[in-house]
Amino acid sequence: PNKTLSKGVIVGTKKSKEHVMVLLTCNALGEKIKPTFIYRYENPQALKNIQKSTLPVFYYWNNKAKYRQLLCENHIQEFDKEMETGILPSKLSILDVIQMTATAWNKITTNTIKNCWIKTGILLLLYDNTKIILSELEEKIEADENTSEEIIEITNKEAIEYLEKLQKYLNQEN
């Protein structure tokens, strides 16, 4: 043939421009949903006779990149719904890439995700804000001389229980 697709630069040939978009979603607890996979074509040859609902990813297609708002809405709704309830071959098909994406996503542990959220400082910020609120609560209790010992005991007990629940949440291992 006169021209062929090439993965590298070869004089007289074109470099492949195939690309995909993958959206991975999780929360700070490490809960994750199936990856979202966006490709240019609705029915690529590699997916012939394969039901898209049986793929290990949510498969979307769009060649004009006008999918962002709808995609995000669908992805967030799916996430909410789920929260309630080697050597590479020289030529990869879209089906190969879909399967590799799902496999890689499934290998990421919840502990890894939790550690990433902790590294951002977001969870520590929430923990610090909780400590400040509890400290202010204790100061108000101490300042009120008319408060009976029973109320102080109950409030402190509730604060301790809350701190224990918060600590358990932060140390939760899955």
Protein backbone atom coordinates (compact mmCIF):
# COMPACT_ATOMS: atom_id res chain seq x y z
CA PRO A 1 0.00 0.00 0.00
CA ASN A 2 1.00 3.60 -0.55
CA LYS A 3 0.33 4.77 3.00
CA THR A 4 -0.11 2.91 6.29
CA LEU A 5 -0.62 3.87 9.91
CA SER A 6 2.48 3.69 12.04
CA LYS A 7 3.12 3.99 15.76
CA GLY A 8 6.39 5.81 15.13
CA VAL A 9 7.73 8.26 12.62
CA ILE A 10 8.43 6.56 9.29
CA VAL A 11 9.06 8.58 6.16
CA GLY A 12 6.03 8.52 3.90
CA THR A 13 3.61 7.23 6.57
CA LYS A 14 1.14 8.74 9.01
CA LYS A 15 1.33 8.34 12.77
CA SER A 16 -1.76 6.86 14.42
CA LYS A 17 -4.03 9.50 15.98
CA GLU A 18 -6.26 7.07 17.86
CA HIS A 19 -7.04 8.15 21.41
CA VAL A 20 -9.54 7.43 24.15
CA MET A 21 -10.69 9.19 27.29
CA VAL A 22 -11.03 7.29 30.56
CA LEU A 23 -12.79 8.68 33.64
CA LEU A 24 -12.05 6.99 36.97
CA THR A 25 -14.24 7.88 39.96
CA CYS A 26 -13.84 7.14 43.66
CA ASN A 27 -14.43 8.74 47.05
CA ALA A 28 -12.21 9.18 50.11
CA LEU A 29 -13.31 5.83 51.53
CA GLY A 30 -11.85 4.07 48.51
CA GLU A 31 -15.20 3.10 47.02
CA LYS A 32 -15.04 3.16 43.25
CA ILE A 33 -17.27 2.49 40.27
CA LYS A 34 -16.62 1.05 36.85
CA PRO A 35 -14.45 3.27 34.68
CA THR A 36 -16.11 5.39 32.03
CA PHE A 37 -14.58 4.89 28.59
CA ILE A 38 -15.13 7.38 25.76
CA TYR A 39 -14.20 6.56 22.19
CA ARG A 40 -14.81 8.22 18.86
CA TYR A 41 -17.15 5.60 17.38
CA GLU A 42 -20.38 4.04 18.61
CA ASN A 43 -19.69 0.65 17.03
CA PRO A 44 -15.97 0.11 16.36
CA GLN A 45 -14.97 -3.08 14.56
CA ALA A 46 -13.32 -4.46 17.73
CA LEU A 47 -16.67 -4.34 19.54
CA LYS A 48 -18.66 -6.02 16.79
CA ASN A 49 -21.28 -8.43 18.23
CA ILE A 50 -20.49 -7.36 21.81
CA GLN A 51 -23.22 -5.87 24.00
CA LYS A 52 -21.91 -2.62 25.47
CA SER A 53 -23.76 -3.35 28.72
CA THR A 54 -21.53 -6.43 29.22
CA LEU A 55 -18.27 -4.47 28.98
CA PRO A 56 -16.30 -3.93 32.22
CA VAL A 57 -16.62 -0.15 31.67
CA PHE A 58 -19.37 2.36 30.93
CA TYR A 59 -18.90 2.86 27.17
CA TYR A 60 -19.70 6.22 25.58
CA TRP A 61 -18.90 7.56 22.13
CA ASN A 62 -18.72 11.02 20.66
CA ASN A 63 -16.61 12.44 17.88
CA LYS A 64 -17.40 16.09 18.60
CA ALA A 65 -16.47 16.31 22.32
CA LYS A 66 -19.90 17.71 23.27
CA TYR A 67 -20.45 15.09 25.94
CA ARG A 68 -18.96 16.63 29.08
CA GLN A 69 -22.06 17.86 30.90
CA LEU A 70 -24.18 14.81 30.16
CA LEU A 71 -21.29 12.49 30.93
CA CYS A 72 -20.61 14.08 34.31
CA GLU A 73 -24.29 14.00 35.24
CA ASN A 74 -24.58 10.32 34.25
CA HIS A 75 -21.35 9.42 36.02
CA ILE A 76 -22.32 11.16 39.27
CA GLN A 77 -25.78 9.56 39.18
CA GLU A 78 -24.21 6.13 38.66
CA PHE A 79 -21.75 6.75 41.50
CA ASP A 80 -24.59 7.79 43.83
CA LYS A 81 -26.60 4.72 42.81
CA GLU A 82 -23.71 2.37 43.54
CA MET A 83 -22.96 4.03 46.88
CA GLU A 84 -26.50 3.34 47.91
CA THR A 85 -26.74 -0.09 46.99
CA GLY A 86 3.63 -6.96 31.09
CA ILE A 87 4.36 -6.95 27.26
CA LEU A 88 1.85 -5.10 25.20
CA PRO A 89 0.77 -6.42 21.82
CA SER A 90 1.93 -4.31 18.89
CA LYS A 91 -1.67 -3.44 17.91
CA LEU A 92 -4.35 -2.95 20.54
CA SER A 93 -8.03 -3.01 19.69
CA ILE A 94 -10.51 -0.85 21.55
CA LEU A 95 -11.78 -3.99 23.31
CA ASP A 96 -8.21 -4.71 24.52
CA VAL A 97 -7.89 -1.16 25.86
CA ILE A 98 -11.30 -1.37 27.59
CA GLN A 99 -10.36 -4.63 29.30
CA MET A 100 -6.94 -3.33 30.34
CA THR A 101 -8.53 -0.17 31.77
CA ALA A 102 -10.99 -2.17 33.86
CA THR A 103 -8.26 -4.55 35.06
CA ALA A 104 -5.96 -1.70 36.09
CA TRP A 105 -8.77 0.11 37.91
CA ASN A 106 -9.72 -3.04 39.80
CA LYS A 107 -6.12 -3.48 40.98
CA ILE A 108 -6.13 -0.13 42.80
CA THR A 109 -6.88 -0.88 46.45
CA THR A 110 -9.16 1.12 48.71
CA ASN A 111 -6.19 1.66 51.01
CA THR A 112 -4.28 3.34 48.18
CA ILE A 113 -7.22 5.65 47.48
CA LYS A 114 -7.61 6.53 51.17
CA ASN A 115 -3.90 7.33 51.42
CA CYS A 116 -4.18 9.62 48.39
CA TRP A 117 -7.04 11.53 50.02
CA ILE A 118 -5.06 11.82 53.26
CA LYS A 119 -2.05 13.09 51.29
CA THR A 120 -4.19 15.93 49.87
CA GLY A 121 -4.82 17.16 53.40
CA ILE A 122 -8.59 17.30 52.87
CA LEU A 123 -9.35 14.64 55.47
CA LEU A 124 -6.93 16.18 57.97
CA LEU A 125 -8.63 19.55 57.49
CA LEU A 126 -12.01 17.99 58.32
CA TYR A 127 -10.48 16.33 61.39
CA ASP A 128 -8.91 19.63 62.55
CA ASN A 129 -12.22 21.50 62.09
CA THR A 130 -13.98 18.86 64.19
CA LYS A 131 -11.39 19.27 66.97
CA ILE A 132 -11.89 23.06 66.94
CA ILE A 133 -15.67 22.70 67.20
CA LEU A 134 -15.34 20.24 70.09
CA SER A 135 -12.83 22.54 71.82
CA GLU A 136 -15.25 25.48 71.55
CA LEU A 137 -18.02 23.27 72.90
CA GLU A 138 -15.92 22.33 75.92
CA GLU A 139 -15.04 26.01 76.56
CA LYS A 140 -18.74 26.96 76.55
CA ILE A 141 -19.51 24.18 78.99
CA GLU A 142 -16.73 25.29 81.36
CA ALA A 143 -17.78 28.96 81.13
CA ASP A 144 -21.36 28.24 82.12
CA GLU A 145 -21.22 27.90 85.92
CA ASN A 146 -24.93 27.17 86.14
CA THR A 147 -24.61 23.98 84.09
CA SER A 148 -25.20 20.93 86.20
CA GLU A 149 -22.65 18.13 86.47
CA GLU A 150 -25.08 15.75 84.73
CA ILE A 151 -25.26 17.86 81.58
CA ILE A 152 -21.47 18.21 81.47
CA GLU A 153 -21.06 14.46 81.89
CA ILE A 154 -23.58 13.69 79.13
CA THR A 155 -22.09 16.28 76.74
CA ASN A 156 -18.53 15.06 77.33
CA LYS A 157 -19.68 11.48 76.81
CA GLU A 158 -21.28 12.46 73.48
CA ALA A 159 -18.15 14.35 72.45
CA ILE A 160 -15.96 11.34 73.29
CA GLU A 161 -18.28 9.02 71.36
CA TYR A 162 -18.16 11.40 68.41
CA LEU A 163 -14.35 11.55 68.53
CA GLU A 164 -14.17 7.76 68.73
CA LYS A 165 -16.46 7.43 65.70
CA LEU A 166 -14.36 9.97 63.82
CA GLN A 167 -11.13 8.16 64.73
CA LYS A 168 -12.66 4.83 63.67
CA TYR A 169 -13.71 6.39 60.36
CA LEU A 170 -10.22 7.76 59.72
CA ASN A 171 -8.57 4.44 60.59
CA GLN A 172 -11.10 2.28 58.78
CA GLU A 173 -9.37 -0.43 56.73
CA ASN A 174 -11.09 -2.32 53.90
